[in-house]
Amino acid sequence: MLHSQVHCDVQFHFKGEQSIGAHLVIISASSPVFSDMFQSSLKKSLNSVVFIEDIDVQVFKYLLDYLYTSEVPQLTRSEQMNIMLLYEAAVKYGVEDLKKECVEMLLMQLDMENAIELLIWSKFHVVPELLEAAMKMTVKNCKHLCSQPSWLNLMKNHLELGLEVTKEMADLVEILE
């Protein structure tokens, strides 16, 4: 239904003149934000236009796919940024189950290479489960990570979080002694 773009009663327009059609009934049933947004539109007219300026068109397509199917797109490790952006879109539009699914995908992809990036992101977006896991990964691999550019970024641009990591490392050393 979404992919055929037949009988769409809302159009989402993006930068670069791209647009995607959707069905108000479906997206309103899945998102309280869309429901509120279109409450008066449903009564007034048959067609609505919404300009989306803060979400990439591909990420918005993932969001719509989820609203239609309740299935999360299978994004690979190389698409980690899209998962993070999809989480942010789920927050914006109040899609709680999608938020949980995105966190699960990020937890599954958490490794030594992305631990600090996910640590910083999860602290900023207040994702406790991911923050805790990324903190453990960072502390566990601190010997390797402290020589990486991401470590310098953490200590230079996220000092409070860097101090939390340092405290966790000190606590670990104390336990080992």
N, C-alpha and C. Protein backbone atom coordinates (compact mmCIF):
# COMPACT_ATOMS: atom_id res chain seq x y z
N MET A 1 0.82 -1.19 0.00
CA MET A 1 0.00 0.00 0.00
C MET A 1 0.87 1.26 0.00
N LEU A 2 1.84 1.31 0.91
CA LEU A 2 2.74 2.46 0.97
C LEU A 2 3.58 2.55 -0.31
N HIS A 3 4.11 1.43 -0.73
CA HIS A 3 5.02 1.44 -1.87
C HIS A 3 4.32 1.71 -3.21
N SER A 4 3.04 1.38 -3.28
CA SER A 4 2.32 1.65 -4.53
C SER A 4 1.93 3.12 -4.65
N GLN A 5 1.88 3.82 -3.52
CA GLN A 5 1.54 5.25 -3.48
C GLN A 5 0.14 5.52 -4.05
N VAL A 6 -0.77 4.55 -3.92
CA VAL A 6 -2.14 4.69 -4.41
C VAL A 6 -3.04 5.16 -3.27
N HIS A 7 -3.92 6.10 -3.56
CA HIS A 7 -4.91 6.63 -2.62
C HIS A 7 -4.29 7.29 -1.39
N CYS A 8 -3.12 7.85 -1.54
CA CYS A 8 -2.47 8.56 -0.43
C CYS A 8 -3.21 9.87 -0.17
N ASP A 9 -3.40 10.19 1.10
CA ASP A 9 -4.09 11.44 1.43
C ASP A 9 -3.21 12.41 2.21
N VAL A 10 -1.93 12.11 2.27
CA VAL A 10 -0.96 13.05 2.83
C VAL A 10 0.33 12.92 2.02
N GLN A 11 0.96 14.03 1.77
CA GLN A 11 2.24 14.05 1.06
C GLN A 11 3.29 14.67 1.97
N PHE A 12 4.40 13.98 2.13
CA PHE A 12 5.54 14.51 2.88
C PHE A 12 6.57 14.99 1.87
N HIS A 13 6.93 16.24 1.96
CA HIS A 13 7.90 16.84 1.04
C HIS A 13 9.22 17.06 1.77
N PHE A 14 10.32 16.79 1.04
CA PHE A 14 11.67 16.88 1.59
C PHE A 14 12.50 17.82 0.74
N LYS A 15 13.66 18.18 1.28
CA LYS A 15 14.61 18.98 0.50
C LYS A 15 14.95 18.22 -0.78
N GLY A 16 15.26 18.92 -1.82
CA GLY A 16 15.59 18.27 -3.08
C GLY A 16 14.35 17.84 -3.85
N GLU A 17 13.21 18.37 -3.49
CA GLU A 17 11.95 18.13 -4.20
C GLU A 17 11.48 16.68 -4.18
N GLN A 18 11.95 15.90 -3.23
CA GLN A 18 11.45 14.53 -3.10
C GLN A 18 10.18 14.56 -2.26
N SER A 19 9.29 13.61 -2.53
CA SER A 19 8.09 13.51 -1.72
C SER A 19 7.67 12.05 -1.59
N ILE A 20 6.94 11.78 -0.52
CA ILE A 20 6.42 10.45 -0.25
C ILE A 20 4.97 10.61 0.17
N GLY A 21 4.12 9.79 -0.40
CA GLY A 21 2.72 9.78 0.00
C GLY A 21 2.48 8.75 1.09
N ALA A 22 1.44 8.99 1.88
CA ALA A 22 1.07 8.05 2.94
C ALA A 22 -0.43 8.14 3.17
N HIS A 23 -0.91 7.27 4.03
CA HIS A 23 -2.33 7.19 4.34
C HIS A 23 -2.54 7.62 5.79
N LEU A 24 -3.33 8.68 5.97
CA LEU A 24 -3.53 9.26 7.30
C LEU A 24 -4.02 8.25 8.33
N VAL A 25 -4.93 7.40 7.94
CA VAL A 25 -5.49 6.44 8.88
C VAL A 25 -4.40 5.53 9.44
N ILE A 26 -3.51 5.08 8.59
CA ILE A 26 -2.47 4.15 9.03
C ILE A 26 -1.44 4.85 9.90
N ILE A 27 -0.92 5.98 9.44
CA ILE A 27 0.13 6.63 10.22
C ILE A 27 -0.42 7.25 11.51
N SER A 28 -1.67 7.68 11.49
CA SER A 28 -2.28 8.24 12.70
C SER A 28 -2.54 7.16 13.74
N ALA A 29 -2.84 5.95 13.29
CA ALA A 29 -3.07 4.85 14.22
C ALA A 29 -1.78 4.39 14.90
N SER A 30 -0.66 4.63 14.26
CA SER A 30 0.62 4.14 14.76
C SER A 30 1.44 5.19 15.49
N SER A 31 1.08 6.45 15.35
CA SER A 31 1.86 7.54 15.94
C SER A 31 0.94 8.57 16.57
N PRO A 32 1.05 8.77 17.88
CA PRO A 32 0.22 9.80 18.51
C PRO A 32 0.51 11.20 17.99
N VAL A 33 1.73 11.43 17.56
CA VAL A 33 2.09 12.74 17.02
C VAL A 33 1.39 12.97 15.69
N PHE A 34 1.44 11.99 14.81
CA PHE A 34 0.72 12.12 13.54
C PHE A 34 -0.79 12.23 13.79
N SER A 35 -1.29 11.46 14.73
CA SER A 35 -2.72 11.52 15.06
C SER A 35 -3.12 12.94 15.46
N ASP A 36 -2.36 13.54 16.35
CA ASP A 36 -2.64 14.92 16.77
C ASP A 36 -2.48 15.90 15.62
N MET A 37 -1.44 15.70 14.83
CA MET A 37 -1.14 16.60 13.72
C MET A 37 -2.28 16.65 12.71
N PHE A 38 -2.87 15.49 12.45
CA PHE A 38 -3.86 15.41 11.39
C PHE A 38 -5.30 15.39 11.90
N GLN A 39 -5.50 15.53 13.18
CA GLN A 39 -6.86 15.49 13.75
C GLN A 39 -7.78 16.47 13.04
N SER A 40 -7.36 17.71 12.92
CA SER A 40 -8.21 18.70 12.25
C SER A 40 -8.17 18.55 10.73
N SER A 41 -7.05 18.06 10.20
CA SER A 41 -6.94 17.87 8.74
C SER A 41 -7.92 16.82 8.24
N LEU A 42 -8.17 15.80 9.05
CA LEU A 42 -9.08 14.74 8.64
C LEU A 42 -10.49 15.29 8.42
N LYS A 43 -10.82 16.30 9.18
CA LYS A 43 -12.16 16.88 9.06
C LYS A 43 -12.25 17.91 7.94
N LYS A 44 -11.15 18.60 7.66
CA LYS A 44 -11.18 19.74 6.74
C LYS A 44 -11.00 19.37 5.28
N SER A 45 -10.00 18.53 4.99
CA SER A 45 -9.72 18.25 3.58
C SER A 45 -9.28 16.82 3.39
N LEU A 46 -9.27 16.42 2.16
CA LEU A 46 -8.86 15.05 1.85
C LEU A 46 -7.36 14.92 1.64
N ASN A 47 -6.68 16.01 1.37
CA ASN A 47 -5.25 15.94 1.11
C ASN A 47 -4.49 16.91 2.00
N SER A 48 -3.38 16.45 2.55
CA SER A 48 -2.54 17.28 3.40
C SER A 48 -1.12 17.23 2.87
N VAL A 49 -0.40 18.30 3.09
CA VAL A 49 1.01 18.37 2.72
C VAL A 49 1.80 18.74 3.96
N VAL A 50 2.87 17.99 4.20
CA VAL A 50 3.74 18.25 5.35
C VAL A 50 5.17 18.36 4.84
N PHE A 51 5.84 19.43 5.24
CA PHE A 51 7.24 19.61 4.86
C PHE A 51 8.12 19.07 5.98
N ILE A 52 9.01 18.15 5.62
CA ILE A 52 9.92 17.53 6.58
C ILE A 52 11.31 18.07 6.28
N GLU A 53 11.84 18.84 7.20
CA GLU A 53 13.15 19.47 6.99
C GLU A 53 14.24 18.89 7.87
N ASP A 54 13.87 18.15 8.90
CA ASP A 54 14.86 17.70 9.87
C ASP A 54 15.12 16.20 9.86
N ILE A 55 14.55 15.49 8.91
CA ILE A 55 14.76 14.05 8.81
C ILE A 55 15.08 13.71 7.36
N ASP A 56 16.12 12.91 7.17
CA ASP A 56 16.52 12.45 5.84
C ASP A 56 15.39 11.62 5.22
N VAL A 57 15.21 11.75 3.94
CA VAL A 57 14.12 11.05 3.25
C VAL A 57 14.21 9.54 3.43
N GLN A 58 15.42 8.97 3.39
CA GLN A 58 15.55 7.52 3.56
C GLN A 58 15.15 7.08 4.97
N VAL A 59 15.55 7.85 5.96
CA VAL A 59 15.19 7.54 7.34
C VAL A 59 13.67 7.65 7.52
N PHE A 60 13.07 8.65 6.90
CA PHE A 60 11.61 8.81 6.98
C PHE A 60 10.91 7.63 6.31
N LYS A 61 11.47 7.13 5.21
CA LYS A 61 10.90 5.94 4.56
C LYS A 61 10.94 4.74 5.51
N TYR A 62 12.06 4.59 6.24
CA TYR A 62 12.16 3.51 7.23
C TYR A 62 11.06 3.67 8.29
N LEU A 63 10.85 4.91 8.74
CA LEU A 63 9.81 5.18 9.73
C LEU A 63 8.44 4.80 9.19
N LEU A 64 8.13 5.24 7.99
CA LEU A 64 6.83 4.91 7.39
C LEU A 64 6.67 3.40 7.20
N ASP A 65 7.73 2.74 6.73
CA ASP A 65 7.66 1.28 6.58
C ASP A 65 7.29 0.63 7.90
N TYR A 66 7.89 1.11 8.98
CA TYR A 66 7.59 0.55 10.29
C TYR A 66 6.14 0.82 10.68
N LEU A 67 5.66 2.03 10.43
CA LEU A 67 4.28 2.37 10.77
C LEU A 67 3.28 1.50 10.02
N TYR A 68 3.62 1.10 8.80
CA TYR A 68 2.74 0.26 7.99
C TYR A 68 2.85 -1.22 8.34
N THR A 69 4.04 -1.68 8.71
CA THR A 69 4.26 -3.12 8.84
C THR A 69 4.62 -3.59 10.24
N SER A 70 5.01 -2.68 11.11
CA SER A 70 5.54 -3.01 12.44
C SER A 70 6.81 -3.85 12.34
N GLU A 71 7.47 -3.78 11.21
CA GLU A 71 8.74 -4.49 11.02
C GLU A 71 9.86 -3.48 10.87
N VAL A 72 10.94 -3.74 11.59
CA VAL A 72 12.09 -2.85 11.55
C VAL A 72 12.94 -3.21 10.34
N PRO A 73 13.42 -2.22 9.60
CA PRO A 73 14.31 -2.53 8.48
C PRO A 73 15.58 -3.17 9.01
N GLN A 74 16.09 -4.13 8.28
CA GLN A 74 17.32 -4.79 8.69
C GLN A 74 18.51 -3.95 8.23
N LEU A 75 19.01 -3.15 9.14
CA LEU A 75 20.13 -2.26 8.82
C LEU A 75 21.42 -2.87 9.33
N THR A 76 22.44 -2.79 8.53
CA THR A 76 23.73 -3.39 8.86
C THR A 76 24.57 -2.47 9.73
N ARG A 77 25.69 -2.98 10.17
CA ARG A 77 26.63 -2.21 11.00
C ARG A 77 27.05 -0.93 10.28
N SER A 78 27.22 -1.00 8.97
CA SER A 78 27.63 0.18 8.21
C SER A 78 26.52 1.23 8.15
N GLU A 79 25.30 0.84 8.48
CA GLU A 79 24.17 1.76 8.48
C GLU A 79 23.79 2.20 9.90
N GLN A 80 24.75 2.10 10.82
CA GLN A 80 24.50 2.44 12.22
C GLN A 80 23.94 3.85 12.37
N MET A 81 24.44 4.78 11.59
CA MET A 81 23.95 6.16 11.69
C MET A 81 22.46 6.23 11.37
N ASN A 82 22.01 5.43 10.39
CA ASN A 82 20.59 5.42 10.06
C ASN A 82 19.75 4.87 11.21
N ILE A 83 20.29 3.90 11.94
CA ILE A 83 19.57 3.37 13.10
C ILE A 83 19.44 4.47 14.16
N MET A 84 20.51 5.20 14.38
CA MET A 84 20.48 6.29 15.35
C MET A 84 19.49 7.37 14.92
N LEU A 85 19.50 7.70 13.64
CA LEU A 85 18.56 8.70 13.12
C LEU A 85 17.12 8.20 13.15
N LEU A 86 16.93 6.90 12.91
CA LEU A 86 15.59 6.32 12.98
C LEU A 86 15.07 6.36 14.41
N TYR A 87 15.95 6.11 15.37
CA TYR A 87 15.57 6.25 16.79
C TYR A 87 15.09 7.67 17.07
N GLU A 88 15.84 8.64 16.58
CA GLU A 88 15.48 10.05 16.80
C GLU A 88 14.14 10.38 16.15
N ALA A 89 13.87 9.81 14.97
CA ALA A 89 12.57 10.02 14.32
C ALA A 89 11.46 9.35 15.13
N ALA A 90 11.74 8.18 15.68
CA ALA A 90 10.75 7.48 16.51
C ALA A 90 10.43 8.29 17.76
N VAL A 91 11.44 8.93 18.33
CA VAL A 91 11.20 9.82 19.48
C VAL A 91 10.30 10.97 19.05
N LYS A 92 10.65 11.61 17.95
CA LYS A 92 9.90 12.78 17.48
C LYS A 92 8.42 12.46 17.24
N TYR A 93 8.15 11.28 16.69
CA TYR A 93 6.78 10.93 16.33
C TYR A 93 6.12 9.98 17.33
N GLY A 94 6.77 9.75 18.48
CA GLY A 94 6.15 8.99 19.56
C GLY A 94 5.92 7.53 19.26
N VAL A 95 6.82 6.90 18.53
CA VAL A 95 6.67 5.49 18.16
C VAL A 95 7.55 4.66 19.11
N GLU A 96 6.98 4.35 20.27
CA GLU A 96 7.74 3.72 21.36
C GLU A 96 8.33 2.36 20.98
N ASP A 97 7.56 1.52 20.30
CA ASP A 97 8.08 0.19 19.94
C ASP A 97 9.27 0.30 18.99
N LEU A 98 9.23 1.25 18.10
CA LEU A 98 10.36 1.44 17.18
C LEU A 98 11.59 1.92 17.94
N LYS A 99 11.41 2.78 18.92
CA LYS A 99 12.54 3.21 19.75
C LYS A 99 13.22 1.99 20.38
N LYS A 100 12.42 1.10 20.95
CA LYS A 100 12.97 -0.11 21.59
C LYS A 100 13.71 -0.97 20.58
N GLU A 101 13.12 -1.12 19.40
CA GLU A 101 13.76 -1.94 18.35
C GLU A 101 15.10 -1.34 17.93
N CYS A 102 15.16 -0.03 17.81
CA CYS A 102 16.41 0.63 17.42
C CYS A 102 17.48 0.43 18.48
N VAL A 103 17.09 0.55 19.75
CA VAL A 103 18.05 0.33 20.84
C VAL A 103 18.56 -1.10 20.79
N GLU A 104 17.67 -2.06 20.55
CA GLU A 104 18.09 -3.47 20.43
C GLU A 104 19.10 -3.66 19.30
N MET A 105 18.84 -3.04 18.16
CA MET A 105 19.78 -3.15 17.03
C MET A 105 21.13 -2.55 17.40
N LEU A 106 21.12 -1.40 18.06
CA LEU A 106 22.39 -0.75 18.44
C LEU A 106 23.13 -1.60 19.47
N LEU A 107 22.41 -2.21 20.40
CA LEU A 107 23.05 -3.09 21.38
C LEU A 107 23.70 -4.29 20.69
N MET A 108 23.02 -4.84 19.70
CA MET A 108 23.58 -5.99 18.97
C MET A 108 24.82 -5.60 18.18
N GLN A 109 24.88 -4.35 17.74
CA GLN A 109 26.01 -3.90 16.93
C GLN A 109 27.14 -3.28 17.75
N LEU A 110 26.92 -3.12 19.05
CA LEU A 110 27.92 -2.52 19.92
C LEU A 110 29.19 -3.36 19.93
N ASP A 111 30.31 -2.72 19.64
CA ASP A 111 31.60 -3.38 19.72
C ASP A 111 32.66 -2.35 20.07
N MET A 112 33.90 -2.79 20.10
CA MET A 112 35.00 -1.93 20.50
C MET A 112 35.15 -0.73 19.56
N GLU A 113 34.82 -0.90 18.31
CA GLU A 113 35.01 0.17 17.33
C GLU A 113 33.99 1.30 17.45
N ASN A 114 32.79 0.99 17.92
CA ASN A 114 31.77 2.03 18.01
C ASN A 114 31.34 2.35 19.44
N ALA A 115 32.02 1.77 20.41
CA ALA A 115 31.61 1.92 21.82
C ALA A 115 31.57 3.37 22.27
N ILE A 116 32.60 4.13 21.96
CA ILE A 116 32.64 5.52 22.42
C ILE A 116 31.60 6.36 21.70
N GLU A 117 31.44 6.15 20.40
CA GLU A 117 30.41 6.89 19.66
C GLU A 117 29.02 6.62 20.24
N LEU A 118 28.73 5.35 20.53
CA LEU A 118 27.42 5.01 21.09
C LEU A 118 27.30 5.47 22.54
N LEU A 119 28.40 5.50 23.25
CA LEU A 119 28.40 6.04 24.61
C LEU A 119 27.97 7.50 24.60
N ILE A 120 28.59 8.29 23.75
CA ILE A 120 28.27 9.72 23.64
C ILE A 120 26.83 9.90 23.18
N TRP A 121 26.44 9.17 22.15
CA TRP A 121 25.08 9.30 21.61
C TRP A 121 24.03 8.91 22.64
N SER A 122 24.25 7.79 23.33
CA SER A 122 23.25 7.32 24.30
C SER A 122 23.15 8.23 25.51
N LYS A 123 24.24 8.87 25.87
CA LYS A 123 24.19 9.86 26.97
C LYS A 123 23.35 11.06 26.53
N PHE A 124 23.60 11.56 25.33
CA PHE A 124 22.88 12.72 24.81
C PHE A 124 21.38 12.45 24.66
N HIS A 125 21.05 11.24 24.19
CA HIS A 125 19.65 10.90 23.92
C HIS A 125 18.97 10.18 25.09
N VAL A 126 19.68 10.06 26.19
CA VAL A 126 19.15 9.44 27.41
C VAL A 126 18.58 8.04 27.12
N VAL A 127 19.50 7.16 26.75
CA VAL A 127 19.15 5.76 26.48
C VAL A 127 19.95 4.92 27.48
N PRO A 128 19.42 4.75 28.71
CA PRO A 128 20.19 4.14 29.80
C PRO A 128 20.75 2.76 29.49
N GLU A 129 19.97 1.90 28.86
CA GLU A 129 20.42 0.53 28.58
C GLU A 129 21.65 0.54 27.66
N LEU A 130 21.61 1.34 26.63
CA LEU A 130 22.74 1.44 25.71
C LEU A 130 23.92 2.16 26.37
N LEU A 131 23.63 3.16 27.16
CA LEU A 131 24.69 3.89 27.86
C LEU A 131 25.47 2.95 28.77
N GLU A 132 24.75 2.13 29.52
CA GLU A 132 25.41 1.19 30.43
C GLU A 132 26.27 0.18 29.66
N ALA A 133 25.73 -0.36 28.59
CA ALA A 133 26.48 -1.35 27.79
C ALA A 133 27.70 -0.71 27.13
N ALA A 134 27.53 0.49 26.59
CA ALA A 134 28.66 1.17 25.94
C ALA A 134 29.72 1.56 26.97
N MET A 135 29.29 1.93 28.16
CA MET A 135 30.23 2.26 29.23
C MET A 135 31.06 1.03 29.59
N LYS A 136 30.40 -0.11 29.77
CA LYS A 136 31.12 -1.35 30.09
C LYS A 136 32.11 -1.71 28.99
N MET A 137 31.68 -1.59 27.74
CA MET A 137 32.55 -1.91 26.61
C MET A 137 33.76 -0.97 26.59
N THR A 138 33.53 0.30 26.84
CA THR A 138 34.61 1.29 26.83
C THR A 138 35.60 1.03 27.95
N VAL A 139 35.09 0.79 29.15
CA VAL A 139 35.97 0.54 30.30
C VAL A 139 36.75 -0.75 30.10
N LYS A 140 36.07 -1.78 29.64
CA LYS A 140 36.71 -3.09 29.42
C LYS A 140 37.85 -3.00 28.41
N ASN A 141 37.70 -2.12 27.41
CA ASN A 141 38.68 -2.01 26.33
C ASN A 141 39.45 -0.70 26.37
N CYS A 142 39.56 -0.12 27.55
CA CYS A 142 40.16 1.22 27.65
C CYS A 142 41.62 1.25 27.17
N LYS A 143 42.35 0.17 27.36
CA LYS A 143 43.75 0.16 26.93
C LYS A 143 43.85 0.39 25.42
N HIS A 144 43.00 -0.26 24.68
CA HIS A 144 42.98 -0.09 23.22
C HIS A 144 42.36 1.25 22.83
N LEU A 145 41.25 1.60 23.47
CA LEU A 145 40.48 2.77 23.06
C LEU A 145 41.15 4.09 23.37
N CYS A 146 41.97 4.13 24.42
CA CYS A 146 42.55 5.43 24.81
C CYS A 146 43.54 5.96 23.77
N SER A 147 43.91 5.16 22.81
CA SER A 147 44.80 5.64 21.75
C SER A 147 44.04 5.98 20.46
N GLN A 148 42.72 5.91 20.51
CA GLN A 148 41.89 6.16 19.33
C GLN A 148 41.43 7.62 19.26
N PRO A 149 41.17 8.14 18.06
CA PRO A 149 40.65 9.51 17.93
C PRO A 149 39.32 9.71 18.67
N SER A 150 38.51 8.66 18.75
CA SER A 150 37.23 8.80 19.45
C SER A 150 37.43 9.07 20.94
N TRP A 151 38.53 8.55 21.50
CA TRP A 151 38.85 8.81 22.91
C TRP A 151 39.18 10.29 23.10
N LEU A 152 39.98 10.82 22.21
CA LEU A 152 40.34 12.24 22.28
C LEU A 152 39.08 13.10 22.15
N ASN A 153 38.19 12.74 21.25
CA ASN A 153 36.92 13.45 21.10
C ASN A 153 36.12 13.41 22.41
N LEU A 154 36.06 12.23 23.02
CA LEU A 154 35.34 12.08 24.28
C LEU A 154 35.91 13.00 25.35
N MET A 155 37.22 12.98 25.51
CA MET A 155 37.86 13.76 26.57
C MET A 155 37.86 15.26 26.28
N LYS A 156 37.88 15.62 25.02
CA LYS A 156 37.94 17.03 24.66
C LYS A 156 36.55 17.67 24.60
N ASN A 157 35.59 16.97 24.03
CA ASN A 157 34.28 17.56 23.78
C ASN A 157 33.16 17.09 24.70
N HIS A 158 33.43 16.06 25.48
CA HIS A 158 32.41 15.50 26.38
C HIS A 158 33.06 15.20 27.73
N LEU A 159 33.61 16.23 28.31
CA LEU A 159 34.45 16.08 29.50
C LEU A 159 33.73 15.39 30.65
N GLU A 160 32.49 15.76 30.91
CA GLU A 160 31.76 15.15 32.02
C GLU A 160 31.62 13.64 31.82
N LEU A 161 31.29 13.23 30.61
CA LEU A 161 31.16 11.81 30.31
C LEU A 161 32.53 11.14 30.36
N GLY A 162 33.56 11.83 29.87
CA GLY A 162 34.92 11.31 29.96
C GLY A 162 35.34 11.07 31.40
N LEU A 163 34.94 11.96 32.28
CA LEU A 163 35.24 11.79 33.71
C LEU A 163 34.48 10.60 34.29
N GLU A 164 33.26 10.38 33.83
CA GLU A 164 32.51 9.20 34.27
C GLU A 164 33.23 7.91 33.86
N VAL A 165 33.73 7.88 32.63
CA VAL A 165 34.47 6.72 32.15
C VAL A 165 35.73 6.52 32.99
N THR A 166 36.44 7.61 33.24
CA THR A 166 37.67 7.54 34.04
C THR A 166 37.37 7.02 35.44
N LYS A 167 36.28 7.47 36.03
CA LYS A 167 35.89 7.00 37.37
C LYS A 167 35.59 5.50 37.33
N GLU A 168 34.86 5.06 36.31
CA GLU A 168 34.57 3.63 36.17
C GLU A 168 35.85 2.81 36.03
N MET A 169 36.81 3.35 35.28
CA MET A 169 38.10 2.66 35.12
C MET A 169 38.82 2.59 36.45
N ALA A 170 38.82 3.68 37.21
CA ALA A 170 39.47 3.71 38.52
C ALA A 170 38.80 2.72 39.48
N ASP A 171 37.48 2.65 39.44
CA ASP A 171 36.76 1.70 40.28
C ASP A 171 37.13 0.27 39.92
N LEU A 172 37.30 -0.01 38.64
CA LEU A 172 37.68 -1.34 38.19
C LEU A 172 39.08 -1.69 38.68
N VAL A 173 40.00 -0.76 38.59
CA VAL A 173 41.37 -0.98 39.06
C VAL A 173 41.36 -1.25 40.56
N GLU A 174 40.55 -0.51 41.29
CA GLU A 174 40.45 -0.68 42.74
C GLU A 174 39.93 -2.06 43.09
N ILE A 175 38.95 -2.55 42.34
CA ILE A 175 38.40 -3.88 42.58
C ILE A 175 39.45 -4.95 42.31
N LEU A 176 40.26 -4.75 41.30
CA LEU A 176 41.26 -5.74 40.91
C LEU A 176 42.43 -5.82 41.88
N GLU A 177 42.63 -4.76 42.65
CA GLU A 177 43.78 -4.75 43.58
C GLU A 177 43.53 -5.52 44.82
